[in-house]
Amino acid sequence: MGEYRVWMRGCWQGEVDQVLYELSLWQQRLGRPPSDASEQDPRRVVAKTIAYLEHNRSRLDYPAYRRQGMPVTTAWR
């Protein structure tokens, strides 16, 4: 769980490339998920996370959004 917090903090601080690098190392250690892997399989979770971050990298500039006073979440209270 410690890595998850570090990666979330990294994304929040605008270090998406570093997070992707670290996740890619995890994917190498775990291996690629087989086609029949469950949604909870760590190999699939890491692969889906990498795909999400790569696809949304241009929209994950949270430091710039905060400087501009823009909302950074859709989960309003």
N, C-alpha and C. Protein backbone atom coordinates (compact mmCIF):
# COMPACT_ATOMS: atom_id res chain seq x y z
N MET A 1 0.83 -1.20 0.00
CA MET A 1 0.00 0.00 0.00
C MET A 1 0.86 1.25 0.00
N GLY A 2 2.10 1.14 0.48
CA GLY A 2 2.99 2.29 0.52
C GLY A 2 3.29 2.85 -0.86
N GLU A 3 3.49 1.96 -1.84
CA GLU A 3 3.78 2.42 -3.19
C GLU A 3 2.60 3.20 -3.76
N TYR A 4 1.40 2.74 -3.48
CA TYR A 4 0.20 3.42 -3.98
C TYR A 4 0.19 4.87 -3.52
N ARG A 5 0.47 5.10 -2.27
CA ARG A 5 0.49 6.48 -1.73
C ARG A 5 1.57 7.32 -2.40
N VAL A 6 2.73 6.73 -2.60
CA VAL A 6 3.82 7.45 -3.26
C VAL A 6 3.41 7.81 -4.69
N TRP A 7 2.79 6.87 -5.40
CA TRP A 7 2.38 7.13 -6.78
C TRP A 7 1.27 8.17 -6.84
N MET A 8 0.33 8.12 -5.94
CA MET A 8 -0.74 9.13 -5.91
C MET A 8 -0.15 10.51 -5.63
N ARG A 9 0.76 10.59 -4.69
CA ARG A 9 1.42 11.86 -4.38
C ARG A 9 2.20 12.34 -5.60
N GLY A 10 2.87 11.42 -6.27
CA GLY A 10 3.62 11.80 -7.47
C GLY A 10 2.72 12.39 -8.54
N CYS A 11 1.58 11.77 -8.78
CA CYS A 11 0.62 12.32 -9.75
C CYS A 11 0.13 13.69 -9.31
N TRP A 12 -0.18 13.82 -8.04
CA TRP A 12 -0.67 15.09 -7.49
C TRP A 12 0.37 16.19 -7.67
N GLN A 13 1.64 15.82 -7.60
CA GLN A 13 2.72 16.80 -7.73
C GLN A 13 3.16 16.99 -9.18
N GLY A 14 2.50 16.32 -10.11
CA GLY A 14 2.82 16.49 -11.52
C GLY A 14 3.94 15.61 -12.03
N GLU A 15 4.26 14.55 -11.31
CA GLU A 15 5.36 13.67 -11.68
C GLU A 15 4.85 12.38 -12.33
N VAL A 16 3.96 12.53 -13.28
CA VAL A 16 3.32 11.37 -13.92
C VAL A 16 4.35 10.50 -14.64
N ASP A 17 5.33 11.12 -15.27
CA ASP A 17 6.34 10.32 -15.98
C ASP A 17 7.11 9.42 -15.01
N GLN A 18 7.45 9.94 -13.84
CA GLN A 18 8.15 9.13 -12.84
C GLN A 18 7.27 7.98 -12.35
N VAL A 19 5.99 8.28 -12.13
CA VAL A 19 5.05 7.24 -11.69
C VAL A 19 4.93 6.16 -12.76
N LEU A 20 4.84 6.56 -14.02
CA LEU A 20 4.77 5.58 -15.11
C LEU A 20 6.03 4.73 -15.16
N TYR A 21 7.17 5.34 -14.95
CA TYR A 21 8.42 4.59 -14.94
C TYR A 21 8.40 3.54 -13.84
N GLU A 22 8.01 3.95 -12.63
CA GLU A 22 7.98 3.01 -11.51
C GLU A 22 6.96 1.90 -11.73
N LEU A 23 5.80 2.24 -12.28
CA LEU A 23 4.80 1.22 -12.57
C LEU A 23 5.30 0.25 -13.63
N SER A 24 6.05 0.76 -14.60
CA SER A 24 6.58 -0.13 -15.63
C SER A 24 7.57 -1.14 -15.03
N LEU A 25 8.33 -0.71 -14.01
CA LEU A 25 9.22 -1.65 -13.32
C LEU A 25 8.41 -2.72 -12.60
N TRP A 26 7.31 -2.32 -11.98
CA TRP A 26 6.43 -3.30 -11.31
C TRP A 26 5.87 -4.27 -12.35
N GLN A 27 5.45 -3.75 -13.50
CA GLN A 27 4.89 -4.62 -14.53
C GLN A 27 5.93 -5.63 -15.00
N GLN A 28 7.18 -5.18 -15.13
CA GLN A 28 8.25 -6.11 -15.53
C GLN A 28 8.43 -7.21 -14.49
N ARG A 29 8.38 -6.84 -13.20
CA ARG A 29 8.54 -7.84 -12.14
C ARG A 29 7.38 -8.82 -12.10
N LEU A 30 6.17 -8.29 -12.25
CA LEU A 30 4.97 -9.13 -12.15
C LEU A 30 4.72 -9.93 -13.41
N GLY A 31 5.07 -9.34 -14.56
CA GLY A 31 4.75 -9.94 -15.84
C GLY A 31 3.45 -9.36 -16.38
N ARG A 32 3.23 -9.54 -17.66
CA ARG A 32 1.99 -9.08 -18.30
C ARG A 32 0.83 -9.98 -17.87
N PRO A 33 -0.36 -9.42 -17.76
CA PRO A 33 -1.49 -10.26 -17.37
C PRO A 33 -1.94 -11.17 -18.51
N PRO A 34 -2.22 -12.42 -18.20
CA PRO A 34 -2.77 -13.29 -19.24
C PRO A 34 -4.20 -12.85 -19.58
N SER A 35 -4.68 -13.28 -20.72
CA SER A 35 -6.02 -12.85 -21.16
C SER A 35 -7.12 -13.27 -20.20
N ASP A 36 -6.90 -14.33 -19.43
CA ASP A 36 -7.95 -14.80 -18.51
C ASP A 36 -7.73 -14.29 -17.07
N ALA A 37 -6.84 -13.31 -16.89
CA ALA A 37 -6.58 -12.79 -15.54
C ALA A 37 -7.81 -12.05 -15.02
N SER A 38 -8.08 -12.22 -13.74
CA SER A 38 -9.22 -11.52 -13.14
C SER A 38 -8.93 -10.04 -13.03
N GLU A 39 -9.98 -9.25 -12.82
CA GLU A 39 -9.83 -7.80 -12.66
C GLU A 39 -8.99 -7.45 -11.43
N GLN A 40 -8.94 -8.33 -10.45
CA GLN A 40 -8.18 -8.09 -9.23
C GLN A 40 -6.74 -8.58 -9.32
N ASP A 41 -6.40 -9.25 -10.37
CA ASP A 41 -5.04 -9.75 -10.56
C ASP A 41 -4.09 -8.55 -10.59
N PRO A 42 -3.07 -8.53 -9.74
CA PRO A 42 -2.15 -7.38 -9.70
C PRO A 42 -1.54 -7.05 -11.06
N ARG A 43 -1.31 -8.06 -11.89
CA ARG A 43 -0.76 -7.81 -13.22
C ARG A 43 -1.72 -6.99 -14.07
N ARG A 44 -3.02 -7.30 -13.95
CA ARG A 44 -4.02 -6.55 -14.70
C ARG A 44 -4.20 -5.16 -14.12
N VAL A 45 -4.20 -5.05 -12.80
CA VAL A 45 -4.36 -3.73 -12.15
C VAL A 45 -3.24 -2.79 -12.58
N VAL A 46 -2.01 -3.27 -12.56
CA VAL A 46 -0.88 -2.43 -12.96
C VAL A 46 -0.99 -2.07 -14.44
N ALA A 47 -1.32 -3.02 -15.29
CA ALA A 47 -1.44 -2.75 -16.72
C ALA A 47 -2.53 -1.71 -17.01
N LYS A 48 -3.67 -1.83 -16.33
CA LYS A 48 -4.76 -0.87 -16.54
C LYS A 48 -4.37 0.52 -16.03
N THR A 49 -3.64 0.56 -14.93
CA THR A 49 -3.21 1.84 -14.38
C THR A 49 -2.24 2.53 -15.33
N ILE A 50 -1.30 1.77 -15.86
CA ILE A 50 -0.36 2.33 -16.84
C ILE A 50 -1.11 2.87 -18.05
N ALA A 51 -2.05 2.09 -18.57
CA ALA A 51 -2.82 2.51 -19.75
C ALA A 51 -3.60 3.79 -19.45
N TYR A 52 -4.21 3.87 -18.27
CA TYR A 52 -4.97 5.07 -17.90
C TYR A 52 -4.06 6.29 -17.84
N LEU A 53 -2.93 6.17 -17.16
CA LEU A 53 -2.02 7.31 -17.01
C LEU A 53 -1.46 7.74 -18.36
N GLU A 54 -1.10 6.78 -19.21
CA GLU A 54 -0.57 7.13 -20.53
C GLU A 54 -1.63 7.85 -21.36
N HIS A 55 -2.85 7.36 -21.32
CA HIS A 55 -3.94 7.95 -22.11
C HIS A 55 -4.31 9.34 -21.61
N ASN A 56 -4.22 9.57 -20.30
CA ASN A 56 -4.66 10.83 -19.70
C ASN A 56 -3.51 11.74 -19.27
N ARG A 57 -2.30 11.40 -19.63
CA ARG A 57 -1.12 12.15 -19.19
C ARG A 57 -1.28 13.66 -19.41
N SER A 58 -1.80 14.07 -20.54
CA SER A 58 -1.92 15.50 -20.84
C SER A 58 -2.94 16.21 -19.95
N ARG A 59 -3.82 15.45 -19.31
CA ARG A 59 -4.84 16.04 -18.45
C ARG A 59 -4.51 15.91 -16.96
N LEU A 60 -3.31 15.47 -16.64
CA LEU A 60 -2.95 15.22 -15.24
C LEU A 60 -1.97 16.26 -14.70
N ASP A 61 -2.07 17.49 -15.15
CA ASP A 61 -1.17 18.55 -14.69
C ASP A 61 -1.81 19.26 -13.49
N TYR A 62 -1.95 18.51 -12.40
CA TYR A 62 -2.61 19.04 -11.21
C TYR A 62 -1.95 20.28 -10.63
N PRO A 63 -0.62 20.39 -10.61
CA PRO A 63 -0.02 21.62 -10.09
C PRO A 63 -0.47 22.87 -10.87
N ALA A 64 -0.53 22.77 -12.19
CA ALA A 64 -0.97 23.91 -13.00
C ALA A 64 -2.43 24.23 -12.72
N TYR A 65 -3.26 23.21 -12.59
CA TYR A 65 -4.68 23.44 -12.31
C TYR A 65 -4.86 24.13 -10.96
N ARG A 66 -4.09 23.71 -9.97
CA ARG A 66 -4.20 24.34 -8.65
C ARG A 66 -3.74 25.79 -8.71
N ARG A 67 -2.65 26.09 -9.44
CA ARG A 67 -2.18 27.47 -9.57
C ARG A 67 -3.23 28.36 -10.21
N GLN A 68 -4.01 27.79 -11.12
CA GLN A 68 -5.05 28.55 -11.82
C GLN A 68 -6.35 28.61 -11.03
N GLY A 69 -6.39 27.94 -9.89
CA GLY A 69 -7.61 27.93 -9.08
C GLY A 69 -8.70 27.04 -9.64
N MET A 70 -8.33 26.13 -10.51
CA MET A 70 -9.31 25.24 -11.13
C MET A 70 -9.59 24.05 -10.20
N PRO A 71 -10.78 23.48 -10.31
CA PRO A 71 -11.07 22.28 -9.53
C PRO A 71 -10.24 21.11 -10.02
N VAL A 72 -9.82 20.27 -9.10
CA VAL A 72 -9.02 19.11 -9.47
C VAL A 72 -9.73 17.81 -9.13
N THR A 73 -11.00 17.89 -8.81
CA THR A 73 -11.78 16.70 -8.53
C THR A 73 -13.23 16.95 -8.91
N THR A 74 -13.92 15.89 -9.21
CA THR A 74 -15.36 15.98 -9.48
C THR A 74 -16.15 15.55 -8.26
N ALA A 75 -15.46 15.22 -7.20
CA ALA A 75 -16.12 14.72 -5.98
C ALA A 75 -16.38 15.86 -5.01
N TRP A 76 -17.27 16.75 -5.39
CA TRP A 76 -17.61 17.89 -4.52
C TRP A 76 -18.41 17.42 -3.34
N ARG A 77 -18.27 18.10 -2.23
CA ARG A 77 -19.04 17.74 -1.03
C ARG A 77 -20.42 18.32 -1.06
